[in-house]
């Protein structure tokens, strides 16, 4: 019961606090919070919004998993943004330049994306392991390098082709597409939604059912104790960041293989930073990250309805930002509450042991 409360209570408190803050902002602006919420909920049943929410949630989920792998070792891989964008670009270039049978073509593109993400993460990983360079500094710098490299790769001097007013890579042939599930006028569900779910299951299994997962969490909790137990801290840093980068390399593939089939100057960005928020909201737990991804996607897509009732869409940004800030505060509040409760239980047990009376302390 205590563990469940520790896991569920902080995100719930964070969402409630963010909702209250948005309600206050709406009231100050002269709008009704209930009208705005009703419009956002109603929007889910309109057009392709419901399918768009699930598709976006799958992308955010993969991004959250990529960040969470690093968080398990107290490593802040802020370079997920550059890793996913460069991986999507290179995967699109490779996918558009080869011709293979169906399934094999798609599989090669996915492997290229994961490999490029891991390769780009290897630089901050090696710098962290062998030179003690903080991963935040190294990965931020790699983000800027990735942006410049992408600009060159998709230019007409590189692998880009001019298509109207946009520049893109050579389109991937249909054999390389990842088919989805069509719901007619309601949109098409990306096939990689199921890959995202499988990745979540694999992540949970790795953490809770493998020796590597135990060593990963142990190294994050106490590197000194883990090293005393025979865990190679340097190896764990490298492997954790490489796995994080490989996962990051898959973030852009649902849209690349399921909708766009090419990488362009206007391809989506920012998913890496969203993944940080989603991982924090889900507390690095596979189910919690899924809930956070769905919530974030709901806020993103249903916000379109606010324009129709004259409510500023920026209210959603306020809620997203306040959720990230309040979730950190909520975790600390719950942690201190649980610590105080544990201290009371221990004190009661000590008193009971000295007096021979039964210890009865509410948790």
Protein backbone atom coordinates (compact mmCIF):
# COMPACT_ATOMS: atom_id res chain seq x y z
CA UNK A 1 0.00 0.00 0.00
CA UNK A 2 2.82 2.40 0.91
CA UNK A 3 4.72 1.65 -2.31
CA UNK A 4 1.56 2.18 -4.39
CA UNK A 5 0.91 5.47 -2.66
CA UNK A 6 4.49 6.59 -3.27
CA UNK A 7 4.21 5.79 -6.99
CA UNK A 8 0.73 7.16 -7.70
CA UNK A 9 0.34 10.10 -5.33
CA UNK A 10 3.04 12.46 -6.73
CA UNK A 11 1.75 12.45 -10.35
CA UNK A 12 -1.84 12.87 -9.15
CA UNK A 13 -0.87 15.82 -6.94
CA UNK A 14 1.11 17.35 -9.81
CA UNK A 15 -1.78 17.12 -12.27
CA UNK A 16 -4.26 18.51 -9.71
CA UNK A 17 -1.96 21.43 -8.92
CA UNK A 18 -1.40 22.16 -12.62
CA UNK A 19 -5.15 22.04 -13.26
CA UNK A 20 -5.81 24.46 -10.42
CA UNK A 21 -3.13 26.82 -11.72
CA UNK A 22 -4.67 26.76 -15.19
CA UNK A 23 -8.13 27.34 -13.71
CA UNK A 24 -6.84 30.44 -11.94
CA UNK A 25 -5.21 31.68 -15.16
CA UNK A 26 -8.47 31.15 -17.08
CA UNK A 27 -10.52 32.96 -14.45
CA UNK A 28 -8.12 35.90 -14.52
CA UNK A 29 -8.53 35.97 -18.30
CA UNK A 30 -12.32 35.96 -17.91
CA UNK A 31 -12.85 32.42 -19.21
CA UNK A 32 -14.59 29.45 -17.63
CA UNK A 33 -12.33 26.51 -16.70
CA UNK A 34 -15.25 24.09 -17.06
CA UNK A 35 -16.04 25.33 -20.57
CA UNK A 36 -12.41 24.93 -21.60
CA UNK A 37 -12.18 21.43 -20.15
CA UNK A 38 -15.46 20.38 -21.75
CA UNK A 39 -14.26 21.65 -25.13
CA UNK A 40 -10.98 19.73 -24.83
CA UNK A 41 -12.74 16.49 -23.87
CA UNK A 42 -15.28 16.91 -26.68
CA UNK A 43 -12.46 17.45 -29.16
CA UNK A 44 -11.23 13.90 -28.55
CA UNK A 45 -14.26 12.55 -30.40
CA UNK A 46 -13.88 14.90 -33.35
CA UNK A 47 -12.14 14.01 -36.62
CA UNK A 48 -8.81 12.27 -36.22
CA UNK A 49 -8.04 13.65 -32.75
CA UNK A 50 -8.34 10.35 -30.87
CA UNK A 51 -6.00 8.52 -33.27
CA UNK A 52 -3.63 11.49 -33.30
CA UNK A 53 -3.45 11.35 -29.50
CA UNK A 54 -2.49 7.67 -29.52
CA UNK A 55 0.08 8.22 -32.30
CA UNK A 56 1.66 11.14 -30.48
CA UNK A 57 1.57 9.26 -27.17
CA UNK A 58 3.56 6.42 -28.78
CA UNK A 59 6.25 8.89 -29.85
CA UNK A 60 6.32 10.55 -26.44
CA UNK A 61 6.45 7.11 -24.80
CA UNK A 62 9.56 6.09 -26.71
CA UNK A 63 11.12 9.46 -25.86
CA UNK A 64 10.23 9.00 -22.20
CA UNK A 65 11.78 5.52 -22.16
CA UNK A 66 14.98 6.87 -23.73
CA UNK A 67 15.32 9.47 -20.99
CA UNK A 68 14.26 7.06 -18.23
CA UNK A 69 17.07 4.60 -19.00
CA UNK A 70 19.58 7.30 -18.19
CA UNK A 71 17.60 8.50 -15.18
CA UNK A 72 17.84 5.01 -13.66
CA UNK A 73 21.57 5.69 -13.22
CA UNK A 74 21.07 9.35 -12.34
CA UNK A 75 22.36 10.23 -15.83
CA UNK A 76 20.66 13.17 -17.55
CA UNK A 77 20.79 12.40 -21.26
CA UNK A 78 19.57 15.76 -22.50
CA UNK A 79 21.06 14.82 -25.88
CA UNK A 80 18.01 12.69 -26.74
CA UNK A 81 16.82 15.54 -28.96
CA UNK A 82 19.91 15.50 -31.18
CA UNK A 83 20.12 11.72 -31.15
CA UNK A 84 16.56 11.23 -32.39
CA UNK A 85 16.72 13.93 -35.07
CA UNK A 86 20.03 12.76 -36.53
CA UNK A 87 18.91 9.12 -36.38
CA UNK A 88 15.67 9.92 -38.23
CA UNK A 89 17.58 11.88 -40.88
CA UNK A 90 20.19 9.15 -41.51
CA UNK A 91 17.54 6.42 -41.42
CA UNK A 92 15.54 8.33 -44.04
CA UNK A 93 18.62 8.73 -46.24
CA UNK A 94 19.49 5.04 -46.00
CA UNK A 95 15.87 3.97 -46.43
CA UNK A 96 15.43 6.10 -49.53
CA UNK A 97 18.67 4.94 -51.15
CA UNK A 98 18.15 1.17 -50.91
CA UNK A 99 15.59 -1.23 -52.33
CA UNK A 100 14.84 -4.35 -50.33
CA UNK A 101 11.90 -6.74 -49.87
CA UNK A 102 9.10 -5.69 -47.51
CA UNK A 103 9.75 -6.19 -43.78
CA UNK A 104 13.50 -6.47 -44.40
CA UNK A 105 13.56 -2.92 -45.79
CA UNK A 106 11.65 -1.62 -42.75
CA UNK A 107 13.82 -3.59 -40.34
CA UNK A 108 17.01 -2.15 -41.85
CA UNK A 109 15.69 1.39 -41.39
CA UNK A 110 14.79 0.70 -37.76
CA UNK A 111 18.22 -0.80 -37.06
CA UNK A 112 19.95 2.15 -38.70
CA UNK A 113 17.95 4.56 -36.54
CA UNK A 114 18.86 2.71 -33.34
CA UNK A 115 22.52 2.40 -34.36
CA UNK A 116 22.88 6.10 -35.20
CA UNK A 117 21.23 7.10 -31.92
CA UNK A 118 23.60 4.85 -29.96
CA UNK A 119 26.61 6.10 -31.93
CA UNK A 120 25.75 9.74 -31.24
CA UNK A 121 25.27 8.96 -27.54
CA UNK A 122 28.64 7.18 -27.40
CA UNK A 123 30.53 10.49 -27.41
CA UNK A 124 29.10 11.84 -24.12
CA UNK A 125 29.15 8.26 -22.75
CA UNK A 126 32.89 7.85 -23.33
CA UNK A 127 33.65 11.37 -22.14
CA UNK A 128 31.68 10.69 -18.96
CA UNK A 129 33.25 7.29 -18.32
CA UNK A 130 36.88 8.08 -19.11
CA UNK A 131 37.25 11.82 -18.55
CA UNK A 132 34.50 12.65 -16.05
CA UNK A 133 32.85 15.19 -18.37
CA UNK A 134 29.28 15.79 -17.21
CA UNK A 135 26.82 14.17 -19.61
CA UNK A 136 24.56 17.25 -19.66
CA UNK A 137 27.31 19.49 -21.02
CA UNK A 138 28.55 16.95 -23.55
CA UNK A 139 25.10 15.97 -24.80
CA UNK A 140 23.95 19.58 -25.16
CA UNK A 141 26.96 20.29 -27.34
CA UNK A 142 26.19 17.18 -29.39
CA UNK A 143 22.66 18.54 -29.97
CA UNK A 144 24.08 21.63 -31.66
CA UNK A 145 26.47 19.55 -33.75
CA UNK A 146 23.59 17.28 -34.79
CA UNK A 147 21.56 20.29 -35.93
CA UNK A 148 24.37 21.49 -38.17
CA UNK A 149 25.06 18.02 -39.52
CA UNK A 150 21.38 17.50 -40.36
CA UNK A 151 21.29 20.82 -42.20
CA UNK A 152 24.19 19.66 -44.37
CA UNK A 153 22.85 16.14 -44.95
CA UNK A 154 19.47 17.28 -46.27
CA UNK A 155 20.83 20.18 -48.30
CA UNK A 156 20.96 19.92 -52.08
CA UNK A 157 24.74 19.63 -51.75
CA UNK A 158 24.21 16.55 -49.60
CA UNK A 159 21.37 14.04 -49.86
CA UNK A 160 18.46 16.46 -50.13
CA UNK A 161 16.20 17.00 -53.11
CA UNK A 162 14.10 20.09 -53.77
CA UNK A 163 10.37 19.30 -53.60
CA UNK A 164 8.31 22.45 -54.12
CA UNK A 165 9.27 24.95 -51.43
CA UNK A 166 10.75 22.28 -49.19
CA UNK A 167 13.90 20.15 -49.18
CA UNK A 168 13.67 16.49 -48.25
CA UNK A 169 15.54 13.23 -48.54
CA UNK A 170 14.66 10.78 -51.27
CA UNK A 171 11.27 9.24 -50.38
CA UNK A 172 11.33 5.73 -48.96
CA UNK A 173 9.77 3.13 -51.24
CA UNK A 174 6.53 1.44 -50.09
CA UNK A 175 8.52 -1.69 -49.21
CA UNK A 176 10.11 0.28 -46.37
CA UNK A 177 6.88 1.65 -44.92
CA UNK A 178 5.53 0.39 -41.60
CA UNK A 179 1.82 -0.24 -42.25
CA UNK A 180 -0.70 1.00 -39.75
CA UNK A 181 -4.36 0.38 -38.98
CA UNK A 182 -6.80 2.58 -40.87
CA UNK A 183 -9.94 3.82 -39.13
CA UNK A 184 -11.25 5.60 -42.21
CA UNK A 185 -12.13 9.23 -41.58
CA UNK A 186 -10.87 8.88 -38.00
CA UNK A 187 -7.26 8.52 -39.17
CA UNK A 188 -4.61 5.81 -39.35
CA UNK A 189 -2.94 4.35 -36.29
CA UNK A 190 0.83 4.07 -36.70
CA UNK A 191 2.07 0.49 -36.79
CA UNK A 192 4.93 1.48 -34.51
CA UNK A 193 2.44 2.12 -31.71
CA UNK A 194 2.72 -1.60 -31.04
CA UNK A 195 6.51 -1.41 -31.23
CA UNK A 196 6.39 1.32 -28.58
CA UNK A 197 4.28 -0.93 -26.35
CA UNK A 198 6.75 -3.78 -26.87
CA UNK A 199 9.64 -1.48 -25.96
CA UNK A 200 7.84 -0.58 -22.73
CA UNK A 201 7.42 -4.26 -21.86
CA UNK A 202 11.08 -4.90 -22.65
CA UNK A 203 12.12 -1.94 -20.50
CA UNK A 204 10.06 -3.19 -17.56
CA UNK A 205 11.40 -6.72 -17.95
CA UNK A 206 14.97 -5.46 -18.13
CA UNK A 207 14.62 -3.44 -14.93
CA UNK A 208 12.81 -6.03 -12.85
CA UNK A 209 13.84 -9.41 -14.22
CA UNK A 210 17.47 -9.14 -15.32
CA UNK A 211 20.79 -8.78 -13.58
CA UNK A 212 21.65 -5.82 -15.76
CA UNK A 213 18.50 -4.00 -14.61
CA UNK A 214 19.41 -4.64 -10.98
CA UNK A 215 22.93 -3.35 -11.54
CA UNK A 216 21.56 -0.33 -13.39
CA UNK A 217 19.29 0.67 -10.50
CA UNK A 218 21.92 -0.20 -7.90
CA UNK A 219 24.50 2.00 -9.64
CA UNK A 220 22.02 4.86 -9.70
CA UNK A 221 21.15 4.52 -6.00
CA UNK A 222 24.72 4.17 -4.76
CA UNK A 223 27.68 3.93 -7.17
CA UNK A 224 30.03 3.21 -4.25
CA UNK A 225 27.95 0.33 -2.93
CA UNK A 226 27.46 -1.04 -6.46
CA UNK A 227 31.21 -0.94 -7.10
CA UNK A 228 31.82 -2.73 -3.80
CA UNK A 229 29.43 -5.42 -5.02
CA UNK A 230 31.46 -5.98 -8.18
CA UNK A 231 29.60 -3.70 -10.59
CA UNK A 232 31.82 -1.95 -13.13
CA UNK A 233 30.62 1.65 -12.84
CA UNK A 234 32.41 2.77 -16.01
CA UNK A 235 30.82 0.00 -18.06
CA UNK A 236 27.38 0.77 -16.65
CA UNK A 237 27.68 4.45 -17.63
CA UNK A 238 28.61 3.55 -21.19
CA UNK A 239 25.98 0.84 -21.62
CA UNK A 240 23.21 2.96 -20.06
CA UNK A 241 23.88 5.93 -22.33
CA UNK A 242 24.24 3.71 -25.41
CA UNK A 243 20.89 2.07 -24.65
CA UNK A 244 19.36 5.48 -24.08
CA UNK A 245 20.73 6.68 -27.42
CA UNK A 246 19.52 3.57 -29.24
CA UNK A 247 16.03 4.10 -27.85
CA UNK A 248 16.23 7.77 -28.81
CA UNK A 249 17.07 6.74 -32.37
CA UNK A 250 13.59 5.20 -32.67
CA UNK A 251 11.63 8.30 -31.64
CA UNK A 252 11.27 9.77 -35.12
CA UNK A 253 10.50 6.49 -36.88
CA UNK A 254 6.73 6.24 -36.24
CA UNK A 255 6.17 9.38 -38.31
CA UNK A 256 8.94 8.61 -40.80
CA UNK A 257 7.74 5.08 -41.58
CA UNK A 258 4.04 5.60 -41.00
CA UNK A 259 3.31 9.00 -42.53
CA UNK A 260 6.09 11.18 -43.95
CA UNK A 261 8.39 8.58 -45.60
CA UNK A 262 11.10 11.25 -45.92
CA UNK A 263 13.01 13.66 -43.69
CA UNK A 264 12.47 17.34 -44.47
CA UNK A 265 13.41 20.77 -43.21
CA UNK A 266 10.04 20.89 -41.44
CA UNK A 267 10.26 17.47 -39.79
CA UNK A 268 9.10 17.59 -36.14
CA UNK A 269 11.53 18.52 -33.40
CA UNK A 270 11.33 18.88 -29.63
CA UNK A 271 10.36 15.29 -28.84
CA UNK A 272 13.56 14.76 -26.88
CA UNK A 273 12.72 17.54 -24.44
CA UNK A 274 9.13 16.32 -24.16
CA UNK A 275 10.53 12.91 -23.23
CA UNK A 276 12.24 14.47 -20.20
CA UNK A 277 8.91 15.80 -18.94
CA UNK A 278 7.12 12.52 -19.63
CA UNK A 279 9.81 10.47 -17.84
CA UNK A 280 9.62 12.78 -14.82
CA UNK A 281 5.84 12.58 -14.77
CA UNK A 282 5.93 8.79 -14.99
CA UNK A 283 8.74 8.50 -12.44
CA UNK A 284 10.70 6.28 -14.84
CA UNK A 285 8.13 3.49 -14.46
CA UNK A 286 6.94 1.93 -17.76
CA UNK A 287 3.25 2.28 -16.84
CA UNK A 288 3.72 5.75 -15.37
CA UNK A 289 5.54 6.91 -18.50
CA UNK A 290 2.65 5.59 -20.63
CA UNK A 291 0.14 7.58 -18.58
CA UNK A 292 2.32 10.68 -18.81
CA UNK A 293 2.66 10.26 -22.58
CA UNK A 294 -1.11 9.95 -23.01
CA UNK A 295 -1.73 13.01 -20.83
CA UNK A 296 0.82 15.07 -22.75
CA UNK A 297 -0.61 13.97 -26.10
CA UNK A 298 -4.15 14.75 -24.93
CA UNK A 299 -3.15 18.27 -23.93
CA UNK A 300 -1.34 18.81 -27.22
CA UNK A 301 -4.08 17.60 -29.56
CA UNK A 302 -7.22 18.64 -27.71
CA UNK A 303 -5.89 22.19 -27.33
CA UNK A 304 -7.05 22.83 -30.89
CA UNK A 305 -10.59 23.11 -29.53
CA UNK A 306 -9.70 26.10 -27.38
CA UNK A 307 -9.41 28.33 -30.45
CA UNK A 308 -13.06 27.66 -31.25
CA UNK A 309 -14.29 29.04 -27.92
CA UNK A 310 -11.94 32.01 -27.76
CA UNK A 311 -9.63 30.58 -25.09
CA UNK A 312 -5.88 31.08 -25.62
CA UNK A 313 -4.16 27.81 -26.51
CA UNK A 314 -1.20 28.95 -24.45
CA UNK A 315 -3.13 27.78 -21.38
CA UNK A 316 -2.04 24.26 -22.33
CA UNK A 317 1.60 25.32 -22.22
CA UNK A 318 0.98 26.69 -18.74
CA UNK A 319 -0.47 23.37 -17.64
CA UNK A 320 2.36 21.35 -19.19
CA UNK A 321 5.03 23.54 -17.65
CA UNK A 322 3.40 23.67 -14.24
CA UNK A 323 2.95 19.88 -14.31
CA UNK A 324 6.68 19.35 -14.78
CA UNK A 325 7.52 21.77 -11.97
CA UNK A 326 4.86 20.54 -9.57
CA UNK A 327 5.67 16.87 -10.10
CA UNK A 328 9.16 17.48 -8.70
CA UNK A 329 7.69 19.30 -5.70
CA UNK A 330 5.08 16.57 -5.23
CA UNK A 331 7.72 13.83 -5.22
CA UNK A 332 9.65 15.67 -2.53
CA UNK A 333 6.53 16.21 -0.41
CA UNK A 334 5.57 12.54 -0.61
CA UNK A 335 9.15 11.44 0.04
CA UNK A 336 9.34 13.51 3.20
CA UNK A 337 5.92 12.28 4.32
CA UNK A 338 6.95 8.65 3.84
CA UNK A 339 10.25 9.29 5.64
CA UNK A 340 8.44 10.83 8.61
CA UNK A 341 5.96 7.93 8.66
CA UNK A 342 8.82 5.43 8.62
CA UNK A 343 10.53 7.26 11.49
CA UNK A 344 7.30 7.12 13.49
CA UNK A 345 6.98 3.38 12.84
CA UNK A 346 10.56 2.73 13.93
CA UNK A 347 10.10 4.86 17.06
CA UNK A 348 6.91 2.99 17.92
CA UNK A 349 8.65 -0.35 17.47
CA UNK A 350 11.50 0.73 19.72
CA UNK A 351 9.04 1.87 22.41
CA UNK A 352 7.13 -1.39 22.11
CA UNK A 353 10.34 -3.40 22.42
CA UNK A 354 11.29 -1.55 25.60
CA UNK A 355 7.85 -1.73 27.25
CA UNK A 356 6.57 -4.99 25.82
CA UNK A 357 3.44 -3.25 24.46
CA UNK A 358 2.26 -3.77 20.85
CA UNK A 359 3.32 -1.07 18.35
CA UNK A 360 0.39 0.58 16.62
CA UNK A 361 1.29 3.50 14.36
CA UNK A 362 -0.76 4.62 11.37
CA UNK A 363 1.15 4.79 8.13
